[in-house]
Structure formats: C-alpha cells, structure tokens
N, C-alpha and C. Protein backbone atom coordinates (compact mmCIF):
# COMPACT_ATOMS: atom_id res chain seq x y z
N MET A 1 5.83 -2.73 -1.74
CA MET A 1 5.67 -4.01 -1.11
C MET A 1 5.78 -3.82 0.39
N LEU A 2 4.88 -4.43 1.14
CA LEU A 2 4.94 -4.44 2.60
C LEU A 2 5.14 -5.87 3.06
N GLN A 3 6.06 -6.07 4.00
CA GLN A 3 6.21 -7.38 4.60
C GLN A 3 6.64 -7.23 6.04
N ASP A 4 6.45 -8.30 6.79
CA ASP A 4 6.81 -8.35 8.19
C ASP A 4 8.33 -8.33 8.32
N GLY A 5 8.81 -7.96 9.48
CA GLY A 5 10.25 -7.95 9.72
C GLY A 5 10.91 -9.30 9.57
N ASP A 6 10.13 -10.40 9.69
CA ASP A 6 10.71 -11.74 9.50
C ASP A 6 10.54 -12.24 8.08
N GLY A 7 10.14 -11.34 7.16
CA GLY A 7 10.02 -11.72 5.76
C GLY A 7 8.70 -12.36 5.41
N ARG A 8 7.74 -12.32 6.31
CA ARG A 8 6.43 -12.88 6.05
C ARG A 8 5.38 -11.86 6.46
N VAL A 9 4.17 -12.06 6.00
CA VAL A 9 3.08 -11.17 6.40
C VAL A 9 1.83 -12.04 6.57
N ARG A 10 1.13 -11.83 7.65
CA ARG A 10 -0.08 -12.60 7.93
C ARG A 10 -1.29 -11.68 7.76
N VAL A 11 -2.02 -11.91 6.68
CA VAL A 11 -3.16 -11.07 6.32
C VAL A 11 -4.43 -11.87 6.50
N GLU A 12 -5.45 -11.25 7.08
CA GLU A 12 -6.75 -11.88 7.27
C GLU A 12 -7.49 -11.97 5.94
N ALA A 13 -7.81 -13.18 5.49
CA ALA A 13 -8.62 -13.44 4.29
C ALA A 13 -8.15 -12.64 3.07
N PRO A 14 -6.92 -12.85 2.62
CA PRO A 14 -6.42 -12.04 1.49
C PRO A 14 -7.19 -12.29 0.20
N GLU A 15 -7.51 -11.21 -0.47
CA GLU A 15 -8.18 -11.27 -1.78
C GLU A 15 -7.67 -10.10 -2.61
N ASP A 16 -7.01 -10.43 -3.73
CA ASP A 16 -6.43 -9.39 -4.58
C ASP A 16 -7.50 -8.43 -5.09
N ASN A 17 -7.10 -7.18 -5.27
CA ASN A 17 -7.95 -6.19 -5.93
C ASN A 17 -7.04 -5.36 -6.84
N GLY A 18 -7.51 -4.34 -7.45
CA GLY A 18 -6.71 -3.58 -8.39
C GLY A 18 -5.61 -2.74 -7.77
N LEU A 19 -5.57 -2.61 -6.45
CA LEU A 19 -4.55 -1.83 -5.76
C LEU A 19 -3.59 -2.71 -4.98
N LEU A 20 -4.09 -3.81 -4.42
CA LEU A 20 -3.27 -4.67 -3.57
C LEU A 20 -3.28 -6.10 -4.08
N SER A 21 -2.12 -6.74 -4.01
CA SER A 21 -2.00 -8.15 -4.34
C SER A 21 -1.35 -8.85 -3.15
N PHE A 22 -1.95 -9.93 -2.70
CA PHE A 22 -1.48 -10.64 -1.52
C PHE A 22 -0.74 -11.90 -1.96
N GLU A 23 0.52 -11.98 -1.62
CA GLU A 23 1.38 -13.05 -2.11
C GLU A 23 1.68 -14.10 -1.05
N GLU A 24 0.77 -15.04 -0.86
CA GLU A 24 0.94 -16.23 -0.02
C GLU A 24 1.76 -16.02 1.25
N GLU A 25 1.34 -15.11 2.08
CA GLU A 25 1.97 -14.82 3.37
C GLU A 25 3.42 -14.37 3.26
N GLN A 26 3.85 -13.92 2.08
CA GLN A 26 5.21 -13.42 1.94
C GLN A 26 5.24 -11.90 1.96
N PHE A 27 4.29 -11.27 1.24
CA PHE A 27 4.25 -9.82 1.24
C PHE A 27 2.92 -9.35 0.65
N VAL A 28 2.63 -8.07 0.87
CA VAL A 28 1.50 -7.40 0.24
C VAL A 28 2.11 -6.45 -0.80
N CYS A 29 1.69 -6.60 -2.03
CA CYS A 29 2.22 -5.78 -3.11
C CYS A 29 1.24 -4.65 -3.41
N ILE A 30 1.73 -3.42 -3.38
CA ILE A 30 0.94 -2.26 -3.79
C ILE A 30 1.18 -2.12 -5.29
N LEU A 31 0.12 -2.24 -6.07
CA LEU A 31 0.25 -2.25 -7.52
C LEU A 31 0.35 -0.82 -8.05
N CYS A 32 1.51 -0.48 -8.57
CA CYS A 32 1.78 0.86 -9.11
C CYS A 32 1.38 0.91 -10.57
N GLY A 33 1.21 2.12 -11.09
CA GLY A 33 0.88 2.30 -12.49
C GLY A 33 2.10 2.15 -13.39
N ALA A 34 3.22 2.72 -12.97
CA ALA A 34 4.46 2.65 -13.76
C ALA A 34 5.29 1.46 -13.29
N HIS A 35 6.05 0.89 -14.20
CA HIS A 35 6.92 -0.23 -13.86
C HIS A 35 8.24 0.22 -13.26
N ALA A 36 8.60 1.47 -13.51
CA ALA A 36 9.86 2.01 -13.00
C ALA A 36 9.67 3.50 -12.73
N GLY A 37 10.56 4.07 -11.95
CA GLY A 37 10.49 5.49 -11.66
C GLY A 37 10.17 5.75 -10.21
N GLU A 38 9.95 7.00 -9.91
CA GLU A 38 9.72 7.41 -8.53
C GLU A 38 8.24 7.55 -8.21
N ALA A 39 7.94 7.42 -6.94
CA ALA A 39 6.59 7.64 -6.43
C ALA A 39 6.70 8.34 -5.09
N GLN A 40 5.74 9.19 -4.80
CA GLN A 40 5.69 9.85 -3.50
C GLN A 40 4.92 8.94 -2.55
N VAL A 41 5.50 8.65 -1.38
CA VAL A 41 4.86 7.77 -0.39
C VAL A 41 4.89 8.47 0.96
N VAL A 42 3.72 8.55 1.60
CA VAL A 42 3.59 9.11 2.94
C VAL A 42 3.09 7.99 3.84
N VAL A 43 3.71 7.84 5.01
CA VAL A 43 3.29 6.82 5.98
C VAL A 43 2.76 7.55 7.20
N GLU A 44 1.56 7.14 7.66
CA GLU A 44 0.92 7.78 8.81
C GLU A 44 0.51 6.72 9.82
N ARG A 45 0.93 6.91 11.07
CA ARG A 45 0.47 6.04 12.16
C ARG A 45 -0.65 6.76 12.90
N HIS A 46 -1.73 6.03 13.15
CA HIS A 46 -2.87 6.57 13.89
C HIS A 46 -3.15 5.67 15.09
N PHE A 47 -3.79 6.22 16.11
CA PHE A 47 -4.14 5.43 17.28
C PHE A 47 -5.56 4.91 17.21
N ASP A 48 -6.36 5.50 16.31
CA ASP A 48 -7.71 5.06 16.01
C ASP A 48 -7.89 5.15 14.50
N GLU A 49 -8.95 4.55 14.00
CA GLU A 49 -9.20 4.59 12.56
C GLU A 49 -9.39 6.03 12.10
N PRO A 50 -8.58 6.49 11.13
CA PRO A 50 -8.77 7.85 10.61
C PRO A 50 -9.93 7.88 9.63
N THR A 51 -10.49 9.05 9.45
CA THR A 51 -11.53 9.23 8.45
C THR A 51 -10.92 9.01 7.07
N ALA A 52 -11.59 8.25 6.24
CA ALA A 52 -11.09 7.98 4.90
C ALA A 52 -11.32 9.21 4.01
N ASP A 53 -10.26 9.74 3.45
CA ASP A 53 -10.32 10.91 2.58
C ASP A 53 -10.53 10.43 1.14
N LEU A 54 -11.74 10.08 0.81
CA LEU A 54 -12.04 9.51 -0.51
C LEU A 54 -12.01 10.56 -1.62
N ALA A 55 -12.16 11.83 -1.28
CA ALA A 55 -12.17 12.88 -2.30
C ALA A 55 -10.77 13.14 -2.87
N SER A 56 -9.73 12.92 -2.09
CA SER A 56 -8.37 13.22 -2.51
C SER A 56 -7.65 12.07 -3.21
N TRP A 57 -8.24 10.88 -3.17
CA TRP A 57 -7.56 9.69 -3.70
C TRP A 57 -8.42 9.00 -4.74
N GLU A 58 -7.77 8.39 -5.74
CA GLU A 58 -8.46 7.65 -6.79
C GLU A 58 -8.75 6.22 -6.38
N ASP A 59 -7.85 5.62 -5.60
CA ASP A 59 -7.98 4.24 -5.16
C ASP A 59 -7.69 4.17 -3.67
N VAL A 60 -8.55 3.47 -2.93
CA VAL A 60 -8.35 3.30 -1.49
C VAL A 60 -8.77 1.88 -1.12
N ALA A 61 -7.87 1.15 -0.47
CA ALA A 61 -8.17 -0.22 -0.03
C ALA A 61 -7.53 -0.46 1.33
N GLU A 62 -8.12 -1.38 2.09
CA GLU A 62 -7.63 -1.71 3.44
C GLU A 62 -7.45 -3.20 3.59
N PHE A 63 -6.55 -3.56 4.51
CA PHE A 63 -6.39 -4.96 4.90
C PHE A 63 -5.90 -4.99 6.34
N SER A 64 -6.04 -6.15 6.96
CA SER A 64 -5.55 -6.36 8.33
C SER A 64 -4.29 -7.20 8.28
N VAL A 65 -3.38 -6.90 9.19
CA VAL A 65 -2.12 -7.65 9.26
C VAL A 65 -1.76 -7.81 10.73
N THR A 66 -1.12 -8.92 11.03
CA THR A 66 -0.60 -9.16 12.37
C THR A 66 0.92 -9.26 12.27
N THR A 67 1.62 -8.49 13.09
CA THR A 67 3.08 -8.50 13.05
C THR A 67 3.63 -8.40 14.47
N ASP A 68 4.69 -9.12 14.73
CA ASP A 68 5.38 -8.96 16.02
C ASP A 68 6.79 -8.42 15.81
N GLN A 69 7.15 -8.16 14.54
CA GLN A 69 8.49 -7.65 14.25
C GLN A 69 8.46 -6.38 13.41
N GLY A 70 7.33 -5.72 13.28
CA GLY A 70 7.25 -4.51 12.48
C GLY A 70 7.09 -4.82 11.01
N LEU A 71 6.85 -3.79 10.23
CA LEU A 71 6.66 -3.94 8.79
C LEU A 71 7.80 -3.25 8.04
N ARG A 72 8.08 -3.75 6.84
CA ARG A 72 9.11 -3.16 5.98
C ARG A 72 8.46 -2.74 4.68
N LEU A 73 8.94 -1.64 4.12
CA LEU A 73 8.45 -1.13 2.85
C LEU A 73 9.59 -1.24 1.84
N GLY A 74 9.31 -1.77 0.66
CA GLY A 74 10.36 -1.89 -0.34
C GLY A 74 9.76 -2.15 -1.71
N SER A 75 10.63 -2.35 -2.67
CA SER A 75 10.19 -2.68 -4.02
C SER A 75 10.43 -4.17 -4.24
N LEU A 76 9.84 -4.72 -5.27
CA LEU A 76 10.00 -6.15 -5.54
C LEU A 76 11.45 -6.52 -5.78
N PHE A 77 12.22 -5.63 -6.39
CA PHE A 77 13.58 -5.97 -6.77
C PHE A 77 14.65 -5.16 -6.05
N GLY A 78 14.26 -4.44 -5.00
CA GLY A 78 15.23 -3.62 -4.28
C GLY A 78 15.23 -3.93 -2.80
N GLU A 79 16.12 -3.28 -2.10
CA GLU A 79 16.22 -3.43 -0.66
C GLU A 79 15.09 -2.65 0.03
N PRO A 80 14.64 -3.11 1.20
CA PRO A 80 13.63 -2.35 1.94
C PRO A 80 14.14 -0.96 2.31
N VAL A 81 13.20 -0.03 2.38
CA VAL A 81 13.49 1.34 2.78
C VAL A 81 13.21 1.45 4.27
N SER A 82 14.04 2.15 5.00
CA SER A 82 13.84 2.31 6.44
C SER A 82 12.72 3.32 6.69
N VAL A 83 11.64 2.84 7.28
CA VAL A 83 10.51 3.69 7.67
C VAL A 83 10.22 3.36 9.14
N PRO A 84 10.82 4.15 10.07
CA PRO A 84 10.70 3.83 11.50
C PRO A 84 9.26 3.61 11.98
N LEU A 85 8.29 4.40 11.48
CA LEU A 85 6.91 4.19 11.91
C LEU A 85 6.43 2.78 11.61
N LEU A 86 6.78 2.25 10.45
CA LEU A 86 6.39 0.89 10.09
C LEU A 86 7.20 -0.15 10.86
N GLU A 87 8.48 0.10 11.01
CA GLU A 87 9.34 -0.85 11.71
C GLU A 87 8.94 -1.01 13.17
N GLN A 88 8.34 0.02 13.77
CA GLN A 88 7.94 -0.02 15.17
C GLN A 88 6.52 -0.58 15.36
N ALA A 89 5.80 -0.80 14.27
CA ALA A 89 4.41 -1.28 14.36
C ALA A 89 4.39 -2.71 14.90
N ARG A 90 3.46 -3.00 15.80
CA ARG A 90 3.35 -4.33 16.39
C ARG A 90 1.88 -4.67 16.62
N GLY A 91 1.58 -5.96 16.60
CA GLY A 91 0.25 -6.44 16.95
C GLY A 91 -0.68 -6.55 15.76
N GLU A 92 -1.98 -6.52 16.06
CA GLU A 92 -3.01 -6.56 15.02
C GLU A 92 -3.22 -5.14 14.51
N LEU A 93 -3.05 -4.95 13.20
CA LEU A 93 -3.15 -3.63 12.61
C LEU A 93 -4.09 -3.64 11.43
N ARG A 94 -4.71 -2.51 11.21
CA ARG A 94 -5.45 -2.27 9.97
C ARG A 94 -4.58 -1.33 9.15
N VAL A 95 -4.41 -1.65 7.87
CA VAL A 95 -3.58 -0.85 6.98
C VAL A 95 -4.46 -0.35 5.83
N ARG A 96 -4.43 0.95 5.59
CA ARG A 96 -5.15 1.55 4.47
C ARG A 96 -4.12 2.09 3.48
N VAL A 97 -4.28 1.71 2.22
CA VAL A 97 -3.40 2.22 1.16
C VAL A 97 -4.25 3.09 0.25
N CYS A 98 -3.80 4.33 0.04
CA CYS A 98 -4.48 5.28 -0.83
C CYS A 98 -3.54 5.59 -2.00
N ALA A 99 -4.11 5.74 -3.21
CA ALA A 99 -3.27 5.99 -4.38
C ALA A 99 -3.94 6.98 -5.32
N ARG A 100 -3.09 7.74 -6.03
CA ARG A 100 -3.55 8.58 -7.14
C ARG A 100 -2.40 8.69 -8.14
N GLY A 101 -2.78 8.91 -9.39
CA GLY A 101 -1.78 9.06 -10.44
C GLY A 101 -1.39 7.75 -11.12
N ARG A 102 -2.12 6.67 -10.86
CA ARG A 102 -1.83 5.38 -11.49
C ARG A 102 -2.60 5.29 -12.82
N LEU A 103 -2.36 6.25 -13.69
CA LEU A 103 -3.14 6.37 -14.91
C LEU A 103 -2.74 5.32 -15.95
N PRO A 104 -3.70 4.64 -16.55
CA PRO A 104 -3.38 3.62 -17.54
C PRO A 104 -2.82 4.19 -18.84
N SER A 105 -2.96 5.50 -19.10
CA SER A 105 -2.46 6.11 -20.33
C SER A 105 -0.95 6.34 -20.27
N ARG A 106 -0.35 6.13 -19.11
CA ARG A 106 1.09 6.35 -18.97
C ARG A 106 1.87 5.16 -19.47
N ASP A 107 3.10 5.40 -19.90
CA ASP A 107 3.94 4.29 -20.32
C ASP A 107 4.58 3.63 -19.10
N ALA A 108 5.44 2.64 -19.32
CA ALA A 108 6.03 1.87 -18.22
C ALA A 108 6.89 2.71 -17.29
N PHE A 109 7.31 3.90 -17.73
CA PHE A 109 8.16 4.74 -16.90
C PHE A 109 7.43 5.95 -16.33
N GLY A 110 6.09 5.94 -16.41
CA GLY A 110 5.30 7.00 -15.79
C GLY A 110 5.15 8.25 -16.62
N TYR A 111 5.34 8.16 -17.93
CA TYR A 111 5.26 9.33 -18.80
C TYR A 111 3.97 9.30 -19.60
N ASP A 112 3.28 10.41 -19.64
CA ASP A 112 2.06 10.56 -20.41
C ASP A 112 2.34 11.56 -21.53
N GLU A 113 2.08 11.17 -22.78
CA GLU A 113 2.40 12.03 -23.93
C GLU A 113 1.71 13.38 -23.86
N ASP A 114 0.52 13.45 -23.27
CA ASP A 114 -0.22 14.70 -23.22
C ASP A 114 0.26 15.64 -22.11
N SER A 115 0.68 15.08 -20.98
CA SER A 115 1.01 15.93 -19.85
C SER A 115 2.43 15.77 -19.31
N GLY A 116 3.24 14.92 -19.91
CA GLY A 116 4.61 14.74 -19.44
C GLY A 116 4.68 13.80 -18.26
N PRO A 117 5.79 13.85 -17.51
CA PRO A 117 5.94 12.92 -16.39
C PRO A 117 4.95 13.23 -15.27
N LEU A 118 4.39 12.20 -14.71
CA LEU A 118 3.45 12.33 -13.60
C LEU A 118 4.01 11.58 -12.40
N LEU A 119 3.77 12.09 -11.24
CA LEU A 119 4.24 11.44 -10.03
C LEU A 119 3.09 10.70 -9.37
N GLU A 120 3.27 9.41 -9.22
CA GLU A 120 2.28 8.64 -8.47
C GLU A 120 2.42 8.99 -7.00
N SER A 121 1.29 9.03 -6.31
CA SER A 121 1.29 9.35 -4.88
C SER A 121 0.56 8.26 -4.11
N TYR A 122 1.11 7.94 -2.95
CA TYR A 122 0.52 6.91 -2.10
C TYR A 122 0.54 7.37 -0.65
N ALA A 123 -0.47 6.98 0.10
CA ALA A 123 -0.48 7.15 1.55
C ALA A 123 -0.70 5.77 2.15
N ILE A 124 0.11 5.42 3.12
CA ILE A 124 -0.06 4.17 3.86
C ILE A 124 -0.38 4.57 5.29
N GLN A 125 -1.61 4.30 5.70
CA GLN A 125 -2.08 4.64 7.04
C GLN A 125 -2.27 3.34 7.81
N PHE A 126 -1.92 3.33 9.09
CA PHE A 126 -2.17 2.12 9.88
C PHE A 126 -2.54 2.50 11.30
N TRP A 127 -3.30 1.60 11.94
CA TRP A 127 -3.76 1.81 13.30
C TRP A 127 -4.08 0.45 13.92
N PRO A 128 -4.10 0.36 15.25
CA PRO A 128 -4.44 -0.92 15.89
C PRO A 128 -5.91 -1.24 15.68
N ALA A 129 -6.18 -2.49 15.28
CA ALA A 129 -7.58 -2.91 15.06
C ALA A 129 -7.61 -4.43 14.92
N PRO A 130 -8.71 -5.05 15.36
CA PRO A 130 -8.86 -6.50 15.17
C PRO A 130 -8.88 -6.84 13.68
N ALA A 131 -8.47 -8.06 13.37
CA ALA A 131 -8.40 -8.50 11.98
C ALA A 131 -9.79 -8.70 11.38
N VAL A 132 -9.98 -8.13 10.20
CA VAL A 132 -11.18 -8.32 9.37
C VAL A 132 -10.71 -8.44 7.93
N PRO A 133 -11.52 -9.01 7.04
CA PRO A 133 -11.10 -9.18 5.64
C PRO A 133 -10.81 -7.84 4.95
N PRO A 134 -9.97 -7.88 3.91
CA PRO A 134 -9.68 -6.67 3.14
C PRO A 134 -10.95 -6.09 2.51
N ARG A 135 -10.92 -4.80 2.23
CA ARG A 135 -12.05 -4.18 1.52
C ARG A 135 -11.54 -3.01 0.69
N VAL A 136 -12.25 -2.74 -0.39
CA VAL A 136 -11.97 -1.60 -1.25
C VAL A 136 -12.94 -0.50 -0.88
N LEU A 137 -12.43 0.68 -0.56
CA LEU A 137 -13.28 1.81 -0.22
C LEU A 137 -13.59 2.67 -1.43
N LYS A 138 -12.65 2.68 -2.40
CA LYS A 138 -12.87 3.49 -3.61
C LYS A 138 -11.97 2.96 -4.72
N GLY A 139 -12.51 2.91 -5.90
CA GLY A 139 -11.74 2.64 -7.12
C GLY A 139 -11.13 1.27 -7.21
N ALA A 140 -9.82 1.20 -6.92
CA ALA A 140 -9.00 0.00 -7.09
C ALA A 140 -9.12 -0.49 -8.53
N THR A 141 -8.80 0.41 -9.46
CA THR A 141 -8.85 0.10 -10.87
C THR A 141 -7.80 -0.93 -11.24
N ASP A 142 -8.06 -1.66 -12.31
CA ASP A 142 -7.11 -2.67 -12.76
C ASP A 142 -5.90 -2.00 -13.40
N HIS A 143 -4.71 -2.48 -13.04
CA HIS A 143 -3.44 -2.00 -13.62
C HIS A 143 -2.57 -3.19 -13.92
C-alpha cells in the first residue's frame, strides 16, 4: 500500500487494474498474489522516466500522484515501513509498479505444491512528471 504522509493520496484519474487498486484518495493498493508472507520490494528514485524493463516483469503498471509530504509504504493491516526515498518524494510524480511471482496456483501463504514457497518480487520506481491517467504496460493479471 502506498499513501501520502498525511494519510491521503491524490491520483490522476484512478482506475483499478489487476496490479493496482485505488481507494478513494486514501491509498494505492498493490495487489499481491499471497494473502500473507514475505515479498521482496525494491524502491528506485529516478530523475527522468526510466526505460520499462518489460522482459523481467510479469505485470507493470503506472500512475501519477501528487504529494507534498512524501509517500509511505505499508501493508493494509500493519504499520508503514520506513523507506527514506519515498518519504523524501515531493511534487507531481509518476510511479511505476513492477511485479513477478504473483502466480494464481499458489495458496494464500505463497506456497505452490509443485515448486514449494515462492517469493513475490516488486519494484516501485518513481520520477518527477506531470499527472496523466494510470496505464498498464504489461500483464496486470487478475488476482
């Protein structure tokens, strides 16, 4: 979940997709495959739009957000995690969320009978950019 430092998030023309759910200016929810367990998350700040690495990710979606108090990363039922790069973010930003390992064959705890536990991986990239509507660059399968 991503939200502004004041507990709200202002997203340009929010429209849910299979990777992101926009919750009435309260937060942006990154839809994970497992209901519980660990996930690998990498946060990257860029000064210009980075090239989208569509070959390495199964799902890639972007949205615009405006914040004057930074962004917080957390779970729906837990406390936010301190991520200084996000907390320092200000202004109009474009945010790209990339995901892999959100396999529908896994159970609620991220276990697949054929291959054992799998680790979901996410990259959250952001850079300064004028607000435009969200878009899916790849996948965004239903979960």
